[in-house]
Amino acid sequence: MPRRAVACLALVLAASPAAADFPCDELWGERNATYKDAGYCFKTQRGIQAFGNAGCQYDDIADVPLSARDRAKVADIQRRERENGCPR
């Protein structure tokens, strides 16, 4: 997903109170774009195809150094994914 699209989606996600406004794929993309930007090495085919692993540094998601703001964003996205019944 291009960085501009991710940035626009982040603004929309932050502004919308309704979880059902966003399809699961968009929520997945926004959550994983945050991890990609922080250097996560994707393991799933879907993640690798969408984001690649060029320049990745962290194999364990628990080791990815997210800011407090990014952690809050990821937690909010995960909450929305649960509310939408998105697959894990």
N, C-alpha and C. Protein backbone atom coordinates (compact mmCIF):
# COMPACT_ATOMS: atom_id res chain seq x y z
N MET A 1 0.85 -1.17 0.00
CA MET A 1 0.00 0.00 0.00
C MET A 1 0.89 1.23 0.00
N PRO A 2 0.69 2.16 -0.94
CA PRO A 2 1.51 3.37 -0.99
C PRO A 2 1.39 4.18 0.29
N ARG A 3 2.47 4.83 0.65
CA ARG A 3 2.52 5.61 1.89
C ARG A 3 1.43 6.68 1.94
N ARG A 4 1.16 7.32 0.81
CA ARG A 4 0.13 8.35 0.77
C ARG A 4 -1.23 7.75 1.10
N ALA A 5 -1.54 6.57 0.54
CA ALA A 5 -2.81 5.92 0.83
C ALA A 5 -2.90 5.53 2.29
N VAL A 6 -1.79 5.05 2.85
CA VAL A 6 -1.77 4.67 4.26
C VAL A 6 -2.02 5.90 5.13
N ALA A 7 -1.38 7.02 4.79
CA ALA A 7 -1.56 8.24 5.57
C ALA A 7 -3.01 8.72 5.50
N CYS A 8 -3.61 8.67 4.33
CA CYS A 8 -5.01 9.08 4.18
C CYS A 8 -5.92 8.16 4.97
N LEU A 9 -5.68 6.87 4.89
CA LEU A 9 -6.49 5.91 5.62
C LEU A 9 -6.35 6.12 7.12
N ALA A 10 -5.16 6.45 7.58
CA ALA A 10 -4.95 6.70 9.00
C ALA A 10 -5.79 7.88 9.47
N LEU A 11 -5.88 8.93 8.66
CA LEU A 11 -6.70 10.08 9.03
C LEU A 11 -8.17 9.70 9.08
N VAL A 12 -8.62 8.92 8.13
CA VAL A 12 -10.02 8.50 8.10
C VAL A 12 -10.32 7.61 9.30
N LEU A 13 -9.44 6.68 9.60
CA LEU A 13 -9.65 5.79 10.74
C LEU A 13 -9.74 6.58 12.04
N ALA A 14 -8.87 7.55 12.19
CA ALA A 14 -8.85 8.33 13.42
C ALA A 14 -10.11 9.16 13.57
N ALA A 15 -10.72 9.58 12.47
CA ALA A 15 -11.87 10.45 12.53
C ALA A 15 -13.20 9.71 12.66
N SER A 16 -13.24 8.44 12.34
CA SER A 16 -14.50 7.72 12.31
C SER A 16 -14.77 6.96 13.59
N PRO A 17 -15.95 7.15 14.15
CA PRO A 17 -16.28 6.42 15.37
C PRO A 17 -16.83 5.02 15.14
N ALA A 18 -17.28 4.72 13.92
CA ALA A 18 -17.95 3.45 13.66
C ALA A 18 -17.01 2.44 13.05
N ALA A 19 -16.84 1.32 13.73
CA ALA A 19 -15.95 0.26 13.23
C ALA A 19 -16.46 -0.32 11.93
N ALA A 20 -17.74 -0.42 11.76
CA ALA A 20 -18.31 -1.04 10.57
C ALA A 20 -18.07 -0.22 9.31
N ASP A 21 -17.58 1.01 9.46
CA ASP A 21 -17.30 1.85 8.30
C ASP A 21 -16.10 1.34 7.50
N PHE A 22 -15.31 0.46 8.07
CA PHE A 22 -14.08 0.04 7.43
C PHE A 22 -14.05 -1.46 7.23
N PRO A 23 -13.88 -1.89 5.99
CA PRO A 23 -13.74 -3.32 5.73
C PRO A 23 -12.49 -3.88 6.40
N CYS A 24 -12.53 -5.14 6.66
CA CYS A 24 -11.43 -5.82 7.33
C CYS A 24 -10.10 -5.64 6.61
N ASP A 25 -10.12 -5.68 5.29
CA ASP A 25 -8.86 -5.54 4.54
C ASP A 25 -8.21 -4.19 4.78
N GLU A 26 -9.00 -3.14 4.87
CA GLU A 26 -8.44 -1.81 5.12
C GLU A 26 -7.86 -1.72 6.53
N LEU A 27 -8.56 -2.28 7.49
CA LEU A 27 -8.05 -2.29 8.86
C LEU A 27 -6.75 -3.09 8.94
N TRP A 28 -6.73 -4.25 8.29
CA TRP A 28 -5.53 -5.08 8.25
C TRP A 28 -4.36 -4.30 7.65
N GLY A 29 -4.62 -3.62 6.54
CA GLY A 29 -3.58 -2.86 5.86
C GLY A 29 -3.03 -1.73 6.73
N GLU A 30 -3.90 -1.02 7.39
CA GLU A 30 -3.45 0.09 8.24
C GLU A 30 -2.63 -0.43 9.43
N ARG A 31 -3.11 -1.50 10.06
CA ARG A 31 -2.38 -2.07 11.20
C ARG A 31 -1.00 -2.55 10.77
N ASN A 32 -0.94 -3.26 9.68
CA ASN A 32 0.34 -3.81 9.25
C ASN A 32 1.27 -2.78 8.64
N ALA A 33 0.73 -1.69 8.09
CA ALA A 33 1.57 -0.60 7.61
C ALA A 33 2.34 0.02 8.77
N THR A 34 1.70 0.07 9.92
CA THR A 34 2.37 0.60 11.12
C THR A 34 3.55 -0.29 11.49
N TYR A 35 3.34 -1.59 11.45
CA TYR A 35 4.44 -2.52 11.76
C TYR A 35 5.54 -2.47 10.69
N LYS A 36 5.15 -2.35 9.43
CA LYS A 36 6.13 -2.26 8.34
C LYS A 36 7.02 -1.03 8.54
N ASP A 37 6.40 0.10 8.83
CA ASP A 37 7.15 1.34 9.02
C ASP A 37 8.14 1.24 10.18
N ALA A 38 7.84 0.36 11.14
CA ALA A 38 8.70 0.20 12.31
C ALA A 38 9.74 -0.91 12.12
N GLY A 39 9.73 -1.59 10.95
CA GLY A 39 10.76 -2.56 10.65
C GLY A 39 10.42 -4.02 10.85
N TYR A 40 9.13 -4.34 10.94
CA TYR A 40 8.74 -5.74 11.15
C TYR A 40 8.97 -6.59 9.90
N CYS A 41 9.45 -7.81 10.10
CA CYS A 41 9.64 -8.78 9.01
C CYS A 41 8.41 -9.69 8.96
N PHE A 42 7.64 -9.57 7.92
CA PHE A 42 6.40 -10.34 7.79
C PHE A 42 6.69 -11.81 7.54
N LYS A 43 5.83 -12.65 8.08
CA LYS A 43 5.98 -14.10 7.93
C LYS A 43 4.93 -14.69 7.01
N THR A 44 3.75 -14.08 6.95
CA THR A 44 2.68 -14.62 6.12
C THR A 44 2.86 -14.20 4.67
N GLN A 45 2.36 -15.01 3.77
CA GLN A 45 2.42 -14.68 2.35
C GLN A 45 1.69 -13.38 2.07
N ARG A 46 0.57 -13.19 2.73
CA ARG A 46 -0.21 -11.97 2.54
C ARG A 46 0.60 -10.74 2.94
N GLY A 47 1.24 -10.80 4.09
CA GLY A 47 2.04 -9.68 4.56
C GLY A 47 3.23 -9.39 3.66
N ILE A 48 3.88 -10.45 3.25
CA ILE A 48 5.05 -10.29 2.37
C ILE A 48 4.63 -9.72 1.02
N GLN A 49 3.53 -10.21 0.48
CA GLN A 49 3.06 -9.70 -0.82
C GLN A 49 2.65 -8.24 -0.73
N ALA A 50 2.01 -7.86 0.37
CA ALA A 50 1.51 -6.50 0.51
C ALA A 50 2.62 -5.50 0.85
N PHE A 51 3.57 -5.91 1.67
CA PHE A 51 4.55 -4.96 2.19
C PHE A 51 6.00 -5.32 1.89
N GLY A 52 6.27 -6.58 1.56
CA GLY A 52 7.64 -7.01 1.35
C GLY A 52 8.41 -7.01 2.66
N ASN A 53 9.63 -7.49 2.60
CA ASN A 53 10.47 -7.53 3.79
C ASN A 53 11.79 -6.78 3.60
N ALA A 54 11.88 -5.99 2.55
CA ALA A 54 13.10 -5.21 2.33
C ALA A 54 13.30 -4.25 3.50
N GLY A 55 14.48 -4.28 4.05
CA GLY A 55 14.81 -3.39 5.15
C GLY A 55 14.23 -3.75 6.49
N CYS A 56 13.59 -4.91 6.57
CA CYS A 56 12.99 -5.29 7.86
C CYS A 56 14.09 -5.64 8.86
N GLN A 57 13.78 -5.49 10.15
CA GLN A 57 14.77 -5.71 11.19
C GLN A 57 14.30 -6.61 12.33
N TYR A 58 12.99 -6.78 12.48
CA TYR A 58 12.46 -7.48 13.65
C TYR A 58 11.60 -8.68 13.24
N ASP A 59 12.05 -9.87 13.64
CA ASP A 59 11.30 -11.09 13.33
C ASP A 59 10.15 -11.32 14.30
N ASP A 60 10.29 -10.85 15.51
CA ASP A 60 9.27 -11.04 16.54
C ASP A 60 8.49 -9.74 16.70
N ILE A 61 7.19 -9.80 16.53
CA ILE A 61 6.38 -8.59 16.60
C ILE A 61 6.49 -7.91 17.96
N ALA A 62 6.78 -8.67 18.99
CA ALA A 62 6.94 -8.10 20.34
C ALA A 62 8.19 -7.22 20.44
N ASP A 63 9.14 -7.42 19.53
CA ASP A 63 10.38 -6.64 19.54
C ASP A 63 10.30 -5.35 18.73
N VAL A 64 9.22 -5.17 17.99
CA VAL A 64 9.08 -3.99 17.14
C VAL A 64 8.92 -2.75 18.01
N PRO A 65 9.79 -1.77 17.84
CA PRO A 65 9.75 -0.57 18.69
C PRO A 65 8.69 0.43 18.21
N LEU A 66 7.50 0.32 18.75
CA LEU A 66 6.43 1.25 18.40
C LEU A 66 6.36 2.37 19.44
N SER A 67 6.06 3.56 18.95
CA SER A 67 5.84 4.69 19.87
C SER A 67 4.52 4.46 20.61
N ALA A 68 4.31 5.22 21.65
CA ALA A 68 3.06 5.12 22.41
C ALA A 68 1.87 5.42 21.49
N ARG A 69 2.05 6.38 20.60
CA ARG A 69 0.98 6.74 19.65
C ARG A 69 0.67 5.57 18.71
N ASP A 70 1.73 4.93 18.19
CA ASP A 70 1.52 3.79 17.29
C ASP A 70 0.91 2.61 18.02
N ARG A 71 1.32 2.36 19.25
CA ARG A 71 0.72 1.27 20.03
C ARG A 71 -0.77 1.52 20.25
N ALA A 72 -1.12 2.76 20.54
CA ALA A 72 -2.53 3.11 20.72
C ALA A 72 -3.30 2.94 19.42
N LYS A 73 -2.68 3.33 18.30
CA LYS A 73 -3.33 3.18 17.00
C LYS A 73 -3.56 1.71 16.67
N VAL A 74 -2.55 0.88 16.91
CA VAL A 74 -2.69 -0.56 16.65
C VAL A 74 -3.78 -1.15 17.54
N ALA A 75 -3.81 -0.77 18.81
CA ALA A 75 -4.84 -1.28 19.72
C ALA A 75 -6.23 -0.87 19.25
N ASP A 76 -6.38 0.36 18.78
CA ASP A 76 -7.67 0.82 18.28
C ASP A 76 -8.09 0.05 17.03
N ILE A 77 -7.15 -0.17 16.13
CA ILE A 77 -7.44 -0.94 14.92
C ILE A 77 -7.84 -2.37 15.28
N GLN A 78 -7.12 -2.99 16.21
CA GLN A 78 -7.46 -4.35 16.63
C GLN A 78 -8.85 -4.41 17.25
N ARG A 79 -9.21 -3.39 18.01
CA ARG A 79 -10.55 -3.32 18.59
C ARG A 79 -11.59 -3.26 17.48
N ARG A 80 -11.33 -2.42 16.47
CA ARG A 80 -12.25 -2.31 15.34
C ARG A 80 -12.35 -3.63 14.57
N GLU A 81 -11.21 -4.31 14.42
CA GLU A 81 -11.22 -5.61 13.74
C GLU A 81 -12.10 -6.60 14.51
N ARG A 82 -11.97 -6.61 15.82
CA ARG A 82 -12.81 -7.52 16.64
C ARG A 82 -14.29 -7.15 16.48
N GLU A 83 -14.60 -5.86 16.54
CA GLU A 83 -15.99 -5.41 16.40
C GLU A 83 -16.58 -5.79 15.05
N ASN A 84 -15.74 -5.80 14.02
CA ASN A 84 -16.19 -6.17 12.67
C ASN A 84 -16.19 -7.67 12.44
N GLY A 85 -15.66 -8.44 13.40
CA GLY A 85 -15.57 -9.88 13.22
C GLY A 85 -14.55 -10.27 12.17
N CYS A 86 -13.51 -9.47 12.03
CA CYS A 86 -12.46 -9.75 11.03
C CYS A 86 -11.70 -11.01 11.40
N PRO A 87 -11.30 -11.79 10.40
CA PRO A 87 -10.50 -12.98 10.68
C PRO A 87 -9.14 -12.59 11.24
N ARG A 88 -8.58 -13.45 12.05
CA ARG A 88 -7.26 -13.19 12.65
C ARG A 88 -6.16 -13.77 11.83
